[in-house]
Amino acid sequence: VSHGAIQFTAYEELRKTIVDLKSKGSVTQHQNPDQLLVS
């Protein structure tokens, strides 16, 4: 498994977690999950 694949998997897991938090009414609800990771 390449290092890039590991990074991609970790990114996807983090993104899913943020989306899950959003769906629960998090204070970040108005933001795009991808924008949160960049900031």
N, C-alpha and C. Protein backbone atom coordinates (compact mmCIF):
# COMPACT_ATOMS: atom_id res chain seq x y z
N VAL A 1 0.85 -1.20 0.00
CA VAL A 1 0.00 0.00 0.00
C VAL A 1 0.89 1.24 0.00
N SER A 2 0.60 2.14 -0.92
CA SER A 2 1.41 3.35 -1.02
C SER A 2 1.04 4.36 0.06
N HIS A 3 1.99 5.25 0.34
CA HIS A 3 1.76 6.28 1.34
C HIS A 3 0.59 7.17 0.93
N GLY A 4 0.48 7.45 -0.36
CA GLY A 4 -0.61 8.28 -0.87
C GLY A 4 -1.97 7.65 -0.59
N ALA A 5 -2.06 6.32 -0.72
CA ALA A 5 -3.32 5.63 -0.46
C ALA A 5 -3.70 5.75 1.01
N ILE A 6 -2.71 5.68 1.89
CA ILE A 6 -2.96 5.82 3.33
C ILE A 6 -3.46 7.23 3.63
N GLN A 7 -2.84 8.22 3.03
CA GLN A 7 -3.26 9.61 3.23
C GLN A 7 -4.68 9.81 2.73
N PHE A 8 -4.99 9.23 1.57
CA PHE A 8 -6.32 9.38 1.00
C PHE A 8 -7.37 8.76 1.91
N THR A 9 -7.07 7.57 2.43
CA THR A 9 -8.01 6.89 3.32
C THR A 9 -8.24 7.71 4.58
N ALA A 10 -7.17 8.24 5.15
CA ALA A 10 -7.30 9.06 6.36
C ALA A 10 -8.12 10.31 6.07
N TYR A 11 -7.91 10.92 4.92
CA TYR A 11 -8.67 12.11 4.52
C TYR A 11 -10.15 11.78 4.41
N GLU A 12 -10.46 10.67 3.76
CA GLU A 12 -11.86 10.26 3.59
C GLU A 12 -12.52 9.99 4.93
N GLU A 13 -11.81 9.33 5.84
CA GLU A 13 -12.37 9.05 7.16
C GLU A 13 -12.64 10.34 7.92
N LEU A 14 -11.71 11.28 7.83
CA LEU A 14 -11.88 12.56 8.51
C LEU A 14 -13.06 13.32 7.91
N ARG A 15 -13.16 13.30 6.58
CA ARG A 15 -14.25 14.00 5.91
C ARG A 15 -15.60 13.41 6.32
N LYS A 16 -15.67 12.08 6.38
CA LYS A 16 -16.92 11.43 6.78
C LYS A 16 -17.30 11.80 8.21
N THR A 17 -16.30 11.91 9.07
CA THR A 17 -16.56 12.29 10.46
C THR A 17 -17.13 13.70 10.53
N ILE A 18 -16.57 14.61 9.75
CA ILE A 18 -17.06 15.98 9.73
C ILE A 18 -18.49 16.03 9.19
N VAL A 19 -18.76 15.29 8.13
CA VAL A 19 -20.10 15.24 7.57
C VAL A 19 -21.08 14.68 8.59
N ASP A 20 -20.64 13.68 9.34
CA ASP A 20 -21.49 13.08 10.36
C ASP A 20 -21.80 14.10 11.46
N LEU A 21 -20.80 14.86 11.85
CA LEU A 21 -21.01 15.90 12.86
C LEU A 21 -21.98 16.95 12.34
N LYS A 22 -21.83 17.33 11.08
CA LYS A 22 -22.73 18.30 10.47
C LYS A 22 -24.17 17.82 10.53
N SER A 23 -24.38 16.57 10.21
CA SER A 23 -25.74 16.03 10.16
C SER A 23 -26.38 15.99 11.55
N LYS A 24 -25.56 16.06 12.59
CA LYS A 24 -26.08 16.07 13.95
C LYS A 24 -26.33 17.49 14.46
N GLY A 25 -26.17 18.48 13.58
CA GLY A 25 -26.45 19.86 13.97
C GLY A 25 -25.26 20.55 14.59
N SER A 26 -24.08 20.22 14.14
CA SER A 26 -22.86 20.85 14.64
C SER A 26 -22.85 22.34 14.31
N VAL A 27 -22.03 23.10 15.03
CA VAL A 27 -21.91 24.53 14.79
C VAL A 27 -21.28 24.81 13.42
N THR A 28 -20.69 23.80 12.80
CA THR A 28 -20.07 23.97 11.49
C THR A 28 -21.04 23.64 10.37
N GLN A 29 -22.32 23.56 10.69
CA GLN A 29 -23.33 23.11 9.74
C GLN A 29 -23.35 23.92 8.45
N HIS A 30 -23.02 25.19 8.52
CA HIS A 30 -23.08 26.06 7.34
C HIS A 30 -21.83 25.97 6.47
N GLN A 31 -20.85 25.18 6.89
CA GLN A 31 -19.59 25.10 6.15
C GLN A 31 -19.46 23.80 5.38
N ASN A 32 -18.71 23.87 4.30
CA ASN A 32 -18.42 22.69 3.50
C ASN A 32 -17.31 21.90 4.19
N PRO A 33 -17.45 20.58 4.33
CA PRO A 33 -16.42 19.77 5.02
C PRO A 33 -15.03 19.94 4.43
N ASP A 34 -14.95 20.09 3.10
CA ASP A 34 -13.65 20.24 2.46
C ASP A 34 -13.00 21.57 2.85
N GLN A 35 -13.80 22.60 3.04
CA GLN A 35 -13.26 23.89 3.45
C GLN A 35 -12.70 23.81 4.87
N LEU A 36 -13.33 23.01 5.72
CA LEU A 36 -12.85 22.87 7.09
C LEU A 36 -11.46 22.26 7.12
N LEU A 37 -11.22 21.28 6.24
CA LEU A 37 -9.93 20.61 6.22
C LEU A 37 -8.83 21.54 5.72
N VAL A 38 -9.18 22.44 4.80
CA VAL A 38 -8.19 23.34 4.22
C VAL A 38 -7.80 24.43 5.21
N SER A 39 -8.74 24.89 5.99
CA SER A 39 -8.49 26.02 6.89
C SER A 39 -7.54 25.65 8.03
